[in-house]
Amino acid sequence: MKRSVKKLFALSGALLTLFVLWTAAACFIDVQPIGPDGSSVGLTALNAAFQKTLGVNMTLYEITDWLGIVPLCFVCGFALLGLVQLIKRKSFRRVDPDILVLGAFYTAVFAAYIAFEAFSPNFRPVLIEGRLEASYPSSTTLLVMCVIPTAMMQLKRRIKRPWIRTAVLCTLGAFCVFMPTARLISGVHWFSDIVGALLLSAGLVTLYAAATGCFQKRSK
């Protein structure tokens, strides 16, 4: 195994460990009922300070909610690419290894999404349509920061024209900066929710990069 791949696996492990520690902190440190309907939130001093400073912007919340469709389009697009390759080549072994790894990666991301929707340690700082909703980690941030960076890795290799590749990658990079920032500023998540999503997505994306490098090496 290449040293670079080993480093990616190690970095992924470190990031996922940080996510576990951050999650534990969000669950057990400075927990107070500062949320709507008396819901409890961890890291209260930190979260309350950000919430008081940023306030709530429901317009920005709606915009980021609709833009959450973008990563789902990429998921569908790469799933379709894998299906087309499978049909044409008539064997899973002939499907591009990085597409197969991407499929496993998407499965892991959606499993994490579903798990935290069911067992979120805290709820949003605002009611959505009069209801408490799971808040940790920010699911929109998690989806964007898992799907878009891996899509950029795919497109960097698959788009042949340099100017088109550069334009697409810069646009997607800007999207990755905008979405978590806008989600935080909208005030519909606690600060800890955004940080948790960024740590988990960074760990998973790094793991995907390591696994892809490993499979590409074997396929040569």
C-alpha atoms as a PDB file:
ATOM      1  CA  MET A   1       0.000   0.000   0.000  1.00  0.00           C
ATOM      2  CA  LYS A   2       1.326   3.440  -0.929  1.00  0.00           C
ATOM      3  CA  ARG A   3       2.472   5.713   1.885  1.00  0.00           C
ATOM      4  CA  SER A   4       0.064   8.413   0.657  1.00  0.00           C
ATOM      5  CA  VAL A   5      -2.868   6.009   0.957  1.00  0.00           C
ATOM      6  CA  LYS A   6      -1.779   4.998   4.454  1.00  0.00           C
ATOM      7  CA  LYS A   7      -1.648   8.660   5.418  1.00  0.00           C
ATOM      8  CA  LEU A   8      -5.181   9.162   4.121  1.00  0.00           C
ATOM      9  CA  PHE A   9      -6.460   6.221   6.165  1.00  0.00           C
ATOM     10  CA  ALA A  10      -4.691   7.617   9.245  1.00  0.00           C
ATOM     11  CA  LEU A  11      -6.108  11.100   8.639  1.00  0.00           C
ATOM     12  CA  SER A  12      -9.583   9.647   8.191  1.00  0.00           C
ATOM     13  CA  GLY A  13      -9.268   7.776  11.474  1.00  0.00           C
ATOM     14  CA  ALA A  14      -8.142  10.942  13.247  1.00  0.00           C
ATOM     15  CA  LEU A  15     -11.027  12.995  11.837  1.00  0.00           C
ATOM     16  CA  LEU A  16     -13.611  10.363  12.718  1.00  0.00           C
ATOM     17  CA  THR A  17     -12.165  10.123  16.210  1.00  0.00           C
ATOM     18  CA  LEU A  18     -12.485  13.899  16.559  1.00  0.00           C
ATOM     19  CA  PHE A  19     -16.095  13.593  15.434  1.00  0.00           C
ATOM     20  CA  VAL A  20     -16.795  10.980  18.116  1.00  0.00           C
ATOM     21  CA  LEU A  21     -15.167  13.180  20.778  1.00  0.00           C
ATOM     22  CA  TRP A  22     -17.053  16.267  19.586  1.00  0.00           C
ATOM     23  CA  THR A  23     -20.310  14.302  19.622  1.00  0.00           C
ATOM     24  CA  ALA A  24     -19.609  13.137  23.170  1.00  0.00           C
ATOM     25  CA  ALA A  25     -18.943  16.746  24.182  1.00  0.00           C
ATOM     26  CA  ALA A  26     -22.209  17.856  22.539  1.00  0.00           C
ATOM     27  CA  CYS A  27     -24.045  15.138  24.464  1.00  0.00           C
ATOM     28  CA  PHE A  28     -22.536  15.480  27.936  1.00  0.00           C
ATOM     29  CA  ILE A  29     -20.752  18.822  28.436  1.00  0.00           C
ATOM     30  CA  ASP A  30     -22.629  21.921  29.625  1.00  0.00           C
ATOM     31  CA  VAL A  31     -26.065  20.486  28.800  1.00  0.00           C
ATOM     32  CA  GLN A  32     -28.883  22.919  29.541  1.00  0.00           C
ATOM     33  CA  PRO A  33     -32.518  23.333  28.400  1.00  0.00           C
ATOM     34  CA  ILE A  34     -32.000  26.421  26.191  1.00  0.00           C
ATOM     35  CA  GLY A  35     -33.790  25.083  23.111  1.00  0.00           C
ATOM     36  CA  PRO A  36     -37.455  25.454  22.082  1.00  0.00           C
ATOM     37  CA  ASP A  37     -39.982  23.736  24.373  1.00  0.00           C
ATOM     38  CA  GLY A  38     -37.253  23.338  26.967  1.00  0.00           C
ATOM     39  CA  SER A  39     -35.167  20.992  24.813  1.00  0.00           C
ATOM     40  CA  SER A  40     -31.656  20.420  26.138  1.00  0.00           C
ATOM     41  CA  VAL A  41     -28.482  21.264  24.233  1.00  0.00           C
ATOM     42  CA  GLY A  42     -24.843  20.461  24.969  1.00  0.00           C
ATOM     43  CA  LEU A  43     -21.992  22.986  24.862  1.00  0.00           C
ATOM     44  CA  THR A  44     -24.571  25.564  25.904  1.00  0.00           C
ATOM     45  CA  ALA A  45     -22.255  28.553  26.401  1.00  0.00           C
ATOM     46  CA  LEU A  46     -20.707  28.161  22.948  1.00  0.00           C
ATOM     47  CA  ASN A  47     -23.967  27.428  21.144  1.00  0.00           C
ATOM     48  CA  ALA A  48     -25.935  30.158  22.894  1.00  0.00           C
ATOM     49  CA  ALA A  49     -23.268  32.748  22.092  1.00  0.00           C
ATOM     50  CA  PHE A  50     -23.365  31.950  18.374  1.00  0.00           C
ATOM     51  CA  GLN A  51     -27.150  31.798  18.320  1.00  0.00           C
ATOM     52  CA  LYS A  52     -27.467  35.186  20.030  1.00  0.00           C
ATOM     53  CA  THR A  53     -24.974  36.743  17.605  1.00  0.00           C
ATOM     54  CA  LEU A  54     -26.364  35.265  14.387  1.00  0.00           C
ATOM     55  CA  GLY A  55     -30.098  35.220  15.073  1.00  0.00           C
ATOM     56  CA  VAL A  56     -32.449  33.491  12.608  1.00  0.00           C
ATOM     57  CA  ASN A  57     -32.799  34.050   8.862  1.00  0.00           C
ATOM     58  CA  MET A  58     -35.582  31.838   7.504  1.00  0.00           C
ATOM     59  CA  THR A  59     -35.072  33.076   3.926  1.00  0.00           C
ATOM     60  CA  LEU A  60     -31.517  31.760   3.964  1.00  0.00           C
ATOM     61  CA  TYR A  61     -32.817  28.549   5.519  1.00  0.00           C
ATOM     62  CA  GLU A  62     -35.264  28.079   2.634  1.00  0.00           C
ATOM     63  CA  ILE A  63     -32.567  28.797   0.044  1.00  0.00           C
ATOM     64  CA  THR A  64     -30.151  26.272   1.527  1.00  0.00           C
ATOM     65  CA  ASP A  65     -32.967  23.748   1.869  1.00  0.00           C
ATOM     66  CA  TRP A  66     -33.727  23.962  -1.857  1.00  0.00           C
ATOM     67  CA  LEU A  67     -30.024  23.888  -2.750  1.00  0.00           C
ATOM     68  CA  GLY A  68     -29.834  20.625  -0.817  1.00  0.00           C
ATOM     69  CA  ILE A  69     -31.273  19.070  -3.971  1.00  0.00           C
ATOM     70  CA  VAL A  70     -27.949  19.673  -5.772  1.00  0.00           C
ATOM     71  CA  PRO A  71     -25.985  16.866  -4.049  1.00  0.00           C
ATOM     72  CA  LEU A  72     -28.917  14.485  -4.581  1.00  0.00           C
ATOM     73  CA  CYS A  73     -28.676  15.189  -8.316  1.00  0.00           C
ATOM     74  CA  PHE A  74     -25.005  14.188  -8.242  1.00  0.00           C
ATOM     75  CA  VAL A  75     -25.858  10.995  -6.354  1.00  0.00           C
ATOM     76  CA  CYS A  76     -28.438  10.088  -8.997  1.00  0.00           C
ATOM     77  CA  GLY A  77     -26.049  11.005 -11.810  1.00  0.00           C
ATOM     78  CA  PHE A  78     -23.194   8.801 -10.610  1.00  0.00           C
ATOM     79  CA  ALA A  79     -25.626   5.978  -9.777  1.00  0.00           C
ATOM     80  CA  LEU A  80     -26.872   6.178 -13.361  1.00  0.00           C
ATOM     81  CA  LEU A  81     -23.282   6.155 -14.659  1.00  0.00           C
ATOM     82  CA  GLY A  82     -22.569   2.994 -12.669  1.00  0.00           C
ATOM     83  CA  LEU A  83     -25.753   1.361 -13.949  1.00  0.00           C
ATOM     84  CA  VAL A  84     -24.901   2.198 -17.563  1.00  0.00           C
ATOM     85  CA  GLN A  85     -21.413   0.743 -17.126  1.00  0.00           C
ATOM     86  CA  LEU A  86     -22.874  -2.402 -15.565  1.00  0.00           C
ATOM     87  CA  ILE A  87     -25.338  -2.885 -18.429  1.00  0.00           C
ATOM     88  CA  LYS A  88     -22.763  -2.242 -21.159  1.00  0.00           C
ATOM     89  CA  ARG A  89     -19.930  -4.234 -19.605  1.00  0.00           C
ATOM     90  CA  LYS A  90     -22.182  -6.980 -18.170  1.00  0.00           C
ATOM     91  CA  SER A  91     -20.120  -7.449 -15.016  1.00  0.00           C
ATOM     92  CA  PHE A  92     -19.611  -5.679 -11.693  1.00  0.00           C
ATOM     93  CA  ARG A  93     -15.882  -6.346 -12.080  1.00  0.00           C
ATOM     94  CA  ARG A  94     -15.801  -4.158 -15.177  1.00  0.00           C
ATOM     95  CA  VAL A  95     -17.494  -1.195 -13.545  1.00  0.00           C
ATOM     96  CA  ASP A  96     -14.941   1.516 -12.695  1.00  0.00           C
ATOM     97  CA  PRO A  97     -13.562   0.715  -9.211  1.00  0.00           C
ATOM     98  CA  ASP A  98     -13.953   4.309  -8.038  1.00  0.00           C
ATOM     99  CA  ILE A  99     -17.652   4.199  -8.988  1.00  0.00           C
ATOM    100  CA  LEU A 100     -18.134   1.044  -6.914  1.00  0.00           C
ATOM    101  CA  VAL A 101     -16.332   2.663  -3.978  1.00  0.00           C
ATOM    102  CA  LEU A 102     -18.501   5.747  -4.475  1.00  0.00           C
ATOM    103  CA  GLY A 103     -21.622   3.576  -4.222  1.00  0.00           C
ATOM    104  CA  ALA A 104     -20.399   2.126  -0.919  1.00  0.00           C
ATOM    105  CA  PHE A 105     -19.550   5.643   0.245  1.00  0.00           C
ATOM    106  CA  TYR A 106     -23.050   6.921  -0.544  1.00  0.00           C
ATOM    107  CA  THR A 107     -24.496   3.991   1.400  1.00  0.00           C
ATOM    108  CA  ALA A 108     -22.398   4.902   4.450  1.00  0.00           C
ATOM    109  CA  VAL A 109     -23.398   8.571   4.209  1.00  0.00           C
ATOM    110  CA  PHE A 110     -27.112   7.821   4.020  1.00  0.00           C
ATOM    111  CA  ALA A 111     -26.797   5.295   6.861  1.00  0.00           C
ATOM    112  CA  ALA A 112     -25.244   8.031   9.032  1.00  0.00           C
ATOM    113  CA  TYR A 113     -27.960  10.442   7.916  1.00  0.00           C
ATOM    114  CA  ILE A 114     -30.753   8.058   8.911  1.00  0.00           C
ATOM    115  CA  ALA A 115     -29.079   7.098  12.195  1.00  0.00           C
ATOM    116  CA  PHE A 116     -28.730  10.678  13.387  1.00  0.00           C
ATOM    117  CA  GLU A 117     -32.224  11.608  12.244  1.00  0.00           C
ATOM    118  CA  ALA A 118     -33.483   8.865  14.543  1.00  0.00           C
ATOM    119  CA  PHE A 119     -31.068   9.387  17.455  1.00  0.00           C
ATOM    120  CA  SER A 120     -30.032  13.044  17.322  1.00  0.00           C
ATOM    121  CA  PRO A 121     -28.646  14.233  20.701  1.00  0.00           C
ATOM    122  CA  ASN A 122     -30.351  17.618  20.356  1.00  0.00           C
ATOM    123  CA  PHE A 123     -32.934  19.580  18.380  1.00  0.00           C
ATOM    124  CA  ARG A 124     -32.893  22.746  16.297  1.00  0.00           C
ATOM    125  CA  PRO A 125     -32.748  26.138  18.036  1.00  0.00           C
ATOM    126  CA  VAL A 126     -36.022  27.062  16.273  1.00  0.00           C
ATOM    127  CA  LEU A 127     -39.280  25.233  15.665  1.00  0.00           C
ATOM    128  CA  ILE A 128     -39.906  24.232  12.052  1.00  0.00           C
ATOM    129  CA  GLU A 129     -43.630  24.436  11.269  1.00  0.00           C
ATOM    130  CA  GLY A 130     -44.261  24.274  15.006  1.00  0.00           C
ATOM    131  CA  ARG A 131     -42.276  21.051  15.509  1.00  0.00           C
ATOM    132  CA  LEU A 132     -38.977  20.096  17.086  1.00  0.00           C
ATOM    133  CA  GLU A 133     -36.633  18.605  14.492  1.00  0.00           C
ATOM    134  CA  ALA A 134     -33.420  16.614  14.868  1.00  0.00           C
ATOM    135  CA  SER A 135     -30.440  18.909  14.594  1.00  0.00           C
ATOM    136  CA  TYR A 136     -27.133  17.085  15.147  1.00  0.00           C
ATOM    137  CA  PRO A 137     -25.209  16.890  12.919  1.00  0.00           C
ATOM    138  CA  SER A 138     -26.545  19.263  10.258  1.00  0.00           C
ATOM    139  CA  SER A 139     -27.886  16.809   7.683  1.00  0.00           C
ATOM    140  CA  THR A 140     -27.779  19.334   4.838  1.00  0.00           C
ATOM    141  CA  THR A 141     -24.156  20.183   5.622  1.00  0.00           C
ATOM    142  CA  LEU A 142     -23.292  16.488   5.897  1.00  0.00           C
ATOM    143  CA  LEU A 143     -24.883  15.680   2.548  1.00  0.00           C
ATOM    144  CA  VAL A 144     -23.269  18.603   0.733  1.00  0.00           C
ATOM    145  CA  MET A 145     -19.815  18.131   2.236  1.00  0.00           C
ATOM    146  CA  CYS A 146     -19.796  14.399   1.510  1.00  0.00           C
ATOM    147  CA  VAL A 147     -21.286  14.359  -1.986  1.00  0.00           C
ATOM    148  CA  ILE A 148     -19.825  17.483  -3.578  1.00  0.00           C
ATOM    149  CA  PRO A 149     -16.121  16.905  -2.697  1.00  0.00           C
ATOM    150  CA  THR A 150     -16.308  13.302  -3.939  1.00  0.00           C
ATOM    151  CA  ALA A 151     -18.073  14.532  -7.093  1.00  0.00           C
ATOM    152  CA  MET A 152     -15.199  16.970  -7.584  1.00  0.00           C
ATOM    153  CA  MET A 153     -12.732  14.076  -7.353  1.00  0.00           C
ATOM    154  CA  GLN A 154     -14.691  12.205 -10.007  1.00  0.00           C
ATOM    155  CA  LEU A 155     -15.144  15.177 -12.322  1.00  0.00           C
ATOM    156  CA  LYS A 156     -11.500  16.208 -12.079  1.00  0.00           C
ATOM    157  CA  ARG A 157     -10.604  12.916 -13.755  1.00  0.00           C
ATOM    158  CA  ARG A 158     -13.557  12.646 -16.118  1.00  0.00           C
ATOM    159  CA  ILE A 159     -13.789  16.176 -17.585  1.00  0.00           C
ATOM    160  CA  LYS A 160     -11.133  16.386 -20.292  1.00  0.00           C
ATOM    161  CA  ARG A 161     -11.255  20.047 -21.315  1.00  0.00           C
ATOM    162  CA  PRO A 162      -9.159  22.059 -18.841  1.00  0.00           C
ATOM    163  CA  TRP A 163     -11.250  25.264 -18.917  1.00  0.00           C
ATOM    164  CA  ILE A 164     -14.504  23.372 -18.351  1.00  0.00           C
ATOM    165  CA  ARG A 165     -12.918  21.301 -15.581  1.00  0.00           C
ATOM    166  CA  THR A 166     -11.572  24.409 -13.859  1.00  0.00           C
ATOM    167  CA  ALA A 167     -14.898  26.245 -14.107  1.00  0.00           C
ATOM    168  CA  VAL A 168     -16.864  23.286 -12.740  1.00  0.00           C
ATOM    169  CA  LEU A 169     -14.443  22.606  -9.875  1.00  0.00           C
ATOM    170  CA  CYS A 170     -14.311  26.288  -8.856  1.00  0.00           C
ATOM    171  CA  THR A 171     -18.118  26.498  -8.880  1.00  0.00           C
ATOM    172  CA  LEU A 172     -18.477  23.368  -6.768  1.00  0.00           C
ATOM    173  CA  GLY A 173     -15.735  24.557  -4.411  1.00  0.00           C
ATOM    174  CA  ALA A 174     -17.598  27.834  -3.880  1.00  0.00           C
ATOM    175  CA  PHE A 175     -20.779  25.839  -3.265  1.00  0.00           C
ATOM    176  CA  CYS A 176     -18.976  23.850  -0.543  1.00  0.00           C
ATOM    177  CA  VAL A 177     -17.978  27.085   1.184  1.00  0.00           C
ATOM    178  CA  PHE A 178     -21.381  28.716   0.811  1.00  0.00           C
ATOM    179  CA  MET A 179     -23.633  25.947   2.083  1.00  0.00           C
ATOM    180  CA  PRO A 180     -22.205  25.295   5.593  1.00  0.00           C
ATOM    181  CA  THR A 181     -21.643  29.015   6.100  1.00  0.00           C
ATOM    182  CA  ALA A 182     -25.179  29.916   5.024  1.00  0.00           C
ATOM    183  CA  ARG A 183     -26.614  27.078   7.072  1.00  0.00           C
ATOM    184  CA  LEU A 184     -24.870  28.418  10.174  1.00  0.00           C
ATOM    185  CA  ILE A 185     -25.851  32.031   9.493  1.00  0.00           C
ATOM    186  CA  SER A 186     -29.482  31.021   8.925  1.00  0.00           C
ATOM    187  CA  GLY A 187     -29.671  30.147  12.625  1.00  0.00           C
ATOM    188  CA  VAL A 188     -31.588  26.888  12.167  1.00  0.00           C
ATOM    189  CA  HIS A 189     -28.683  24.868  13.576  1.00  0.00           C
ATOM    190  CA  TRP A 190     -26.521  25.153  16.632  1.00  0.00           C
ATOM    191  CA  PHE A 191     -22.847  25.857  16.032  1.00  0.00           C
ATOM    192  CA  SER A 192     -21.998  22.370  17.308  1.00  0.00           C
ATOM    193  CA  ASP A 193     -24.284  20.848  14.644  1.00  0.00           C
ATOM    194  CA  ILE A 194     -22.279  22.424  11.822  1.00  0.00           C
ATOM    195  CA  VAL A 195     -18.909  21.485  13.327  1.00  0.00           C
ATOM    196  CA  GLY A 196     -20.077  17.897  13.855  1.00  0.00           C
ATOM    197  CA  ALA A 197     -21.229  17.625  10.234  1.00  0.00           C
ATOM    198  CA  LEU A 198     -17.939  19.050   8.936  1.00  0.00           C
ATOM    199  CA  LEU A 199     -15.858  16.632  11.014  1.00  0.00           C
ATOM    200  CA  LEU A 200     -17.923  13.587  10.004  1.00  0.00           C
ATOM    201  CA  SER A 201     -17.973  14.513   6.320  1.00  0.00           C
ATOM    202  CA  ALA A 202     -14.230  15.261   6.305  1.00  0.00           C
ATOM    203  CA  GLY A 203     -13.540  11.859   7.862  1.00  0.00           C
ATOM    204  CA  LEU A 204     -15.768  10.016   5.405  1.00  0.00           C
ATOM    205  CA  VAL A 205     -14.472  11.867   2.325  1.00  0.00           C
ATOM    206  CA  THR A 206     -10.872  11.192   3.360  1.00  0.00           C
ATOM    207  CA  LEU A 207     -11.763   7.521   3.846  1.00  0.00           C
ATOM    208  CA  TYR A 208     -13.280   7.502   0.337  1.00  0.00           C
ATOM    209  CA  ALA A 209     -10.107   9.041  -1.105  1.00  0.00           C
ATOM    210  CA  ALA A 210      -7.981   6.409   0.656  1.00  0.00           C
ATOM    211  CA  ALA A 211     -10.188   3.526  -0.511  1.00  0.00           C
ATOM    212  CA  THR A 212     -10.226   4.848  -4.071  1.00  0.00           C
ATOM    213  CA  GLY A 213      -6.449   5.112  -4.095  1.00  0.00           C
ATOM    214  CA  CYS A 214      -6.186   1.573  -2.795  1.00  0.00           C
ATOM    215  CA  PHE A 215      -8.534   0.140  -5.455  1.00  0.00           C
ATOM    216  CA  GLN A 216      -6.919   2.104  -8.281  1.00  0.00           C
ATOM    217  CA  LYS A 217      -3.538   0.701  -7.318  1.00  0.00           C
ATOM    218  CA  ARG A 218      -4.898  -2.864  -7.404  1.00  0.00           C
ATOM    219  CA  SER A 219      -6.599  -2.335 -10.777  1.00  0.00           C
ATOM    220  CA  LYS A 220      -3.329  -1.278 -12.496  1.00  0.00           C
END
